[in-house]
Amino acid sequence: AYDAVGHRIIADIAYDNLTDKARTQVDKILGKRGIVYEASWADEVRSDNKYAYSYQWHYQDLDDNMSSAAIKKLMDNPKAEGEHLFFALDTLTTRLKKDKNDAEALKFLVHFVGDLHQPLHLGRKDDKGGNKVDFNWFGRKTNLHSVWDGALIENQKMSYSEFSQYLQDKFAPRNAEFKKYSILQSVEAAYAVRNLIYAYDMSDTSNYHYVYFFADKVDEMLYHGGIQLANVLNAIYK
């Protein structure tokens, strides 16, 4: 999903919104601010054959025009369409509740909550979440998925810590609102952005227009991800 910077932004926001108890516990397991520094670990280990099983955990293909009830049904039956992102989140949360010192489960969970908030990780199966959609990004040939993984974030020219602080300042008035979101509501929010991405008029090749149109959505997804990750970890380590 998001490149290392995006995942660190989400983890940094989460870290700042953990309860004292949860923060103490995750620091004990992964080291001080370890959830930030290990946020991209799940991407890195995909090159290790030992973790080949986790490759499909990073995404959940969703059909177009799904209702809230249909999404909920799939989340309630996370293996219905194979062992993908919904399955990973369910399994890892259960693992961590049973063994709260399971460092591997914690590192995976930190990453996959981030993946959940990259809208194209809920993308179409036929285009592999935008990976097969060509995109010319300021003169560089890439694909739609990569634009959402990193290019939109890189365009802001901020470090992960600067971006995290910017988002926490920007959304401070809505912090309490976002903390009330369930996992299902977060998925629905990301799915709504996913639908906007696919509906965008791709004949408009101005990258400046694209950045302007989606800038607030990128910000909201990153902040959503951080707050939802904090919610998940606060519940586990309550």
Protein backbone atom coordinates (compact mmCIF):
# COMPACT_ATOMS: atom_id res chain seq x y z
CA ALA A 1 0.00 0.00 0.00
CA TYR A 2 1.36 3.39 0.93
CA ASP A 3 5.12 3.51 0.56
CA ALA A 4 7.25 3.68 3.70
CA VAL A 5 6.52 7.39 4.24
CA GLY A 6 2.76 6.87 4.10
CA HIS A 7 2.85 3.98 6.53
CA ARG A 8 5.04 5.94 8.93
CA ILE A 9 2.63 8.88 8.79
CA ILE A 10 -0.24 6.59 9.77
CA ALA A 11 1.77 4.90 12.52
CA ASP A 12 3.00 8.23 13.89
CA ILE A 13 -0.55 9.58 14.12
CA ALA A 14 -1.60 6.36 15.81
CA TYR A 15 1.28 6.58 18.30
CA ASP A 16 0.24 10.08 19.34
CA ASN A 17 -3.32 8.84 19.91
CA LEU A 18 -2.55 5.73 21.95
CA THR A 19 -3.51 5.52 25.58
CA ASP A 20 -0.61 5.59 28.02
CA LYS A 21 -1.04 1.87 28.63
CA ALA A 22 -1.14 0.94 24.96
CA ARG A 23 1.87 3.14 24.19
CA THR A 24 3.86 1.52 26.98
CA GLN A 25 2.98 -1.95 25.72
CA VAL A 26 3.82 -1.37 22.06
CA ASP A 27 7.08 0.35 23.02
CA LYS A 28 7.94 -2.66 25.18
CA ILE A 29 7.36 -5.03 22.24
CA LEU A 30 8.90 -3.07 19.35
CA GLY A 31 11.02 -0.44 21.08
CA LYS A 32 10.42 3.27 21.50
CA ARG A 33 8.19 4.43 18.63
CA GLY A 34 8.76 1.01 17.10
CA ILE A 35 5.36 0.96 15.45
CA VAL A 36 6.56 3.89 13.34
CA TYR A 37 9.93 2.41 12.42
CA GLU A 38 8.47 -1.04 11.69
CA ALA A 39 5.45 0.26 9.77
CA SER A 40 6.81 -0.86 6.39
CA TRP A 41 8.17 -4.22 7.63
CA ALA A 42 5.31 -6.21 6.07
CA ASP A 43 6.26 -4.86 2.63
CA GLU A 44 9.92 -5.67 3.13
CA VAL A 45 9.39 -9.32 4.12
CA ARG A 46 7.41 -10.06 0.97
CA SER A 47 10.80 -10.71 -0.67
CA ASP A 48 11.41 -13.52 1.84
CA ASN A 49 9.94 -16.85 0.70
CA LYS A 50 9.11 -17.61 4.30
CA TYR A 51 6.49 -14.85 4.17
CA ALA A 52 5.17 -15.54 0.67
CA TYR A 53 1.79 -16.45 2.20
CA SER A 54 1.33 -12.83 3.31
CA TYR A 55 1.46 -11.32 -0.20
CA GLN A 56 -2.29 -11.53 -0.73
CA TRP A 57 -2.97 -10.13 2.74
CA HIS A 58 -2.20 -6.63 1.48
CA TYR A 59 -5.37 -6.15 -0.56
CA GLN A 60 -9.07 -6.96 -0.74
CA ASP A 61 -10.61 -6.85 -4.20
CA LEU A 62 -14.04 -5.25 -4.05
CA ASP A 63 -16.71 -5.07 -6.72
CA ASP A 64 -18.14 -1.80 -7.94
CA ASN A 65 -21.38 -0.49 -6.42
CA MET A 66 -21.21 -2.57 -3.23
CA SER A 67 -23.69 -1.66 -0.52
CA SER A 68 -22.71 -1.18 3.10
CA ALA A 69 -24.51 -4.44 3.89
CA ALA A 70 -22.50 -6.30 1.24
CA ILE A 71 -19.20 -4.95 2.59
CA LYS A 72 -20.21 -5.85 6.15
CA LYS A 73 -21.13 -9.38 5.04
CA LEU A 74 -17.68 -9.82 3.51
CA MET A 75 -15.97 -8.47 6.62
CA ASP A 76 -18.03 -10.79 8.81
CA ASN A 77 -16.98 -13.71 6.59
CA PRO A 78 -13.36 -12.71 5.87
CA LYS A 79 -12.40 -15.96 4.10
CA ALA A 80 -15.38 -15.87 1.74
CA GLU A 81 -13.23 -14.67 -1.16
CA GLY A 82 -9.89 -16.04 -0.02
CA GLU A 83 -7.34 -15.00 2.58
CA HIS A 84 -6.92 -11.33 1.82
CA LEU A 85 -6.87 -8.06 3.77
CA PHE A 86 -10.07 -8.59 5.75
CA PHE A 87 -8.88 -12.08 6.72
CA ALA A 88 -5.48 -10.73 7.76
CA LEU A 89 -6.96 -8.00 9.96
CA ASP A 90 -9.32 -10.46 11.64
CA THR A 91 -6.64 -13.11 12.16
CA LEU A 92 -3.94 -10.77 13.40
CA THR A 93 -6.24 -8.97 15.81
CA THR A 94 -7.24 -12.33 17.28
CA ARG A 95 -3.59 -13.41 17.48
CA LEU A 96 -2.58 -10.25 19.30
CA LYS A 97 -5.46 -10.48 21.75
CA LYS A 98 -4.35 -14.03 22.65
CA ASP A 99 -0.68 -13.10 22.91
CA LYS A 100 -0.22 -9.41 23.49
CA ASN A 101 3.55 -9.75 23.09
CA ASP A 102 3.34 -11.21 19.56
CA ALA A 103 5.72 -8.82 17.82
CA GLU A 104 5.15 -10.28 14.36
CA ALA A 105 1.37 -9.94 14.63
CA LEU A 106 1.77 -6.37 15.87
CA LYS A 107 4.03 -5.37 12.97
CA PHE A 108 1.69 -6.96 10.46
CA LEU A 109 -1.35 -5.31 12.02
CA VAL A 110 0.23 -1.85 12.00
CA HIS A 111 0.90 -2.23 8.29
CA PHE A 112 -2.41 -3.72 7.25
CA VAL A 113 -4.53 -1.11 8.99
CA GLY A 114 -2.53 1.31 6.85
CA ASP A 115 -3.23 -0.75 3.74
CA LEU A 116 -6.92 -0.65 4.55
CA HIS A 117 -6.83 3.13 4.11
CA GLN A 118 -5.11 3.13 0.73
CA PRO A 119 -8.26 3.10 -1.41
CA LEU A 120 -6.79 1.09 -4.26
CA HIS A 121 -6.07 -1.79 -1.90
CA LEU A 122 -9.84 -2.15 -2.12
CA GLY A 123 -9.67 -1.87 -5.88
CA ARG A 124 -10.92 -3.83 -8.84
CA LYS A 125 -9.69 -7.35 -9.42
CA ASP A 126 -9.42 -6.97 -13.19
CA ASP A 127 -6.92 -4.10 -13.03
CA LYS A 128 -5.15 -5.33 -9.88
CA GLY A 129 -6.15 -2.30 -7.85
CA GLY A 130 -4.99 0.16 -10.50
CA ASN A 131 -1.64 -1.55 -11.12
CA LYS A 132 -2.65 -2.20 -14.74
CA VAL A 133 -3.90 1.37 -15.32
CA ASP A 134 -1.16 3.41 -17.00
CA PHE A 135 -0.51 6.88 -15.62
CA ASN A 136 1.87 9.62 -16.70
CA TRP A 137 2.97 11.42 -13.55
CA PHE A 138 4.73 14.71 -14.31
CA GLY A 139 6.51 13.11 -17.27
CA ARG A 140 7.25 9.78 -15.60
CA LYS A 141 5.46 6.63 -16.73
CA THR A 142 3.87 4.80 -13.81
CA ASN A 143 0.48 3.37 -12.88
CA LEU A 144 -2.56 4.50 -10.94
CA HIS A 145 -1.80 2.33 -7.94
CA SER A 146 1.71 3.75 -7.59
CA VAL A 147 0.37 7.29 -7.73
CA TRP A 148 -1.71 6.50 -4.63
CA ASP A 149 1.02 4.47 -2.94
CA GLY A 150 3.51 7.30 -2.92
CA ALA A 151 3.43 9.95 -5.63
CA LEU A 152 0.59 12.00 -4.12
CA ILE A 153 2.32 11.97 -0.73
CA GLU A 154 5.75 12.73 -2.19
CA ASN A 155 4.23 15.70 -4.01
CA GLN A 156 3.83 17.48 -0.65
CA LYS A 157 7.59 17.43 -0.07
CA MET A 158 7.27 16.68 3.65
CA SER A 159 8.95 14.10 5.85
CA TYR A 160 6.69 11.59 7.57
CA SER A 161 6.92 13.49 10.86
CA GLU A 162 6.11 16.84 9.21
CA PHE A 163 3.17 15.29 7.37
CA SER A 164 1.91 13.64 10.56
CA GLN A 165 2.00 16.92 12.46
CA TYR A 166 0.33 18.76 9.58
CA LEU A 167 -2.53 16.24 9.53
CA GLN A 168 -2.95 16.27 13.29
CA ASP A 169 -3.18 20.05 13.22
CA LYS A 170 -5.55 20.01 10.24
CA PHE A 171 -7.94 17.44 11.68
CA ALA A 172 -7.70 18.35 15.38
CA PRO A 173 -11.27 19.76 15.36
CA ARG A 174 -12.52 16.39 14.03
CA ASN A 175 -10.37 14.09 16.18
CA ALA A 176 -13.26 12.99 18.41
CA GLU A 177 -15.41 12.35 15.34
CA PHE A 178 -12.81 10.12 13.70
CA LYS A 179 -12.23 8.18 16.93
CA LYS A 180 -15.87 7.05 16.80
CA TYR A 181 -15.39 5.31 13.43
CA SER A 182 -15.64 1.54 13.46
CA ILE A 183 -13.49 -0.60 11.17
CA LEU A 184 -16.52 -0.97 8.90
CA GLN A 185 -16.97 2.80 8.68
CA SER A 186 -13.28 3.20 7.84
CA VAL A 187 -13.65 0.65 5.05
CA GLU A 188 -16.71 2.48 3.76
CA ALA A 189 -14.81 5.78 3.78
CA ALA A 190 -11.89 4.26 1.86
CA TYR A 191 -14.28 2.54 -0.55
CA ALA A 192 -15.99 5.87 -1.26
CA VAL A 193 -12.62 7.39 -2.20
CA ARG A 194 -11.83 4.30 -4.28
CA ASN A 195 -15.01 4.92 -6.26
CA LEU A 196 -14.06 8.57 -6.80
CA ILE A 197 -10.68 7.45 -8.14
CA TYR A 198 -12.27 5.13 -10.67
CA ALA A 199 -14.88 7.73 -11.64
CA TYR A 200 -12.26 10.43 -12.29
CA ASP A 201 -12.08 11.59 -15.89
CA MET A 202 -8.73 10.09 -16.92
CA SER A 203 -8.81 12.01 -20.19
CA ASP A 204 -7.81 15.02 -18.07
CA THR A 205 -4.06 14.45 -18.04
CA SER A 206 -3.19 17.47 -15.90
CA ASN A 207 -1.44 16.14 -12.83
CA TYR A 208 -1.98 19.50 -11.14
CA HIS A 209 -5.74 19.01 -11.49
CA TYR A 210 -5.41 15.50 -10.08
CA VAL A 211 -3.44 16.66 -7.04
CA TYR A 212 -5.90 19.47 -6.39
CA PHE A 213 -8.92 17.18 -6.72
CA PHE A 214 -7.63 14.46 -4.39
CA ALA A 215 -5.38 16.31 -1.91
CA ASP A 216 -7.96 16.47 0.85
CA LYS A 217 -8.95 12.83 0.28
CA VAL A 218 -5.34 11.69 0.65
CA ASP A 219 -5.04 13.67 3.87
CA GLU A 220 -8.28 12.25 5.22
CA MET A 221 -7.31 8.65 4.42
CA LEU A 222 -3.95 8.99 6.14
CA TYR A 223 -5.50 10.56 9.22
CA HIS A 224 -8.33 8.01 9.25
CA GLY A 225 -5.71 5.27 9.12
CA GLY A 226 -3.78 6.66 12.05
CA ILE A 227 -6.82 7.10 14.27
CA GLN A 228 -8.22 3.68 13.35
CA LEU A 229 -4.88 2.04 14.11
CA ALA A 230 -4.87 3.75 17.50
CA ASN A 231 -8.44 2.53 18.10
CA VAL A 232 -7.46 -1.04 17.30
CA LEU A 233 -4.36 -1.04 19.51
CA ASN A 234 -6.10 0.79 22.37
CA ALA A 235 -8.81 -1.88 22.34
CA ILE A 236 -6.26 -4.71 22.38
CA TYR A 237 -4.14 -3.19 25.15
CA LYS A 238 -6.94 -1.72 27.24
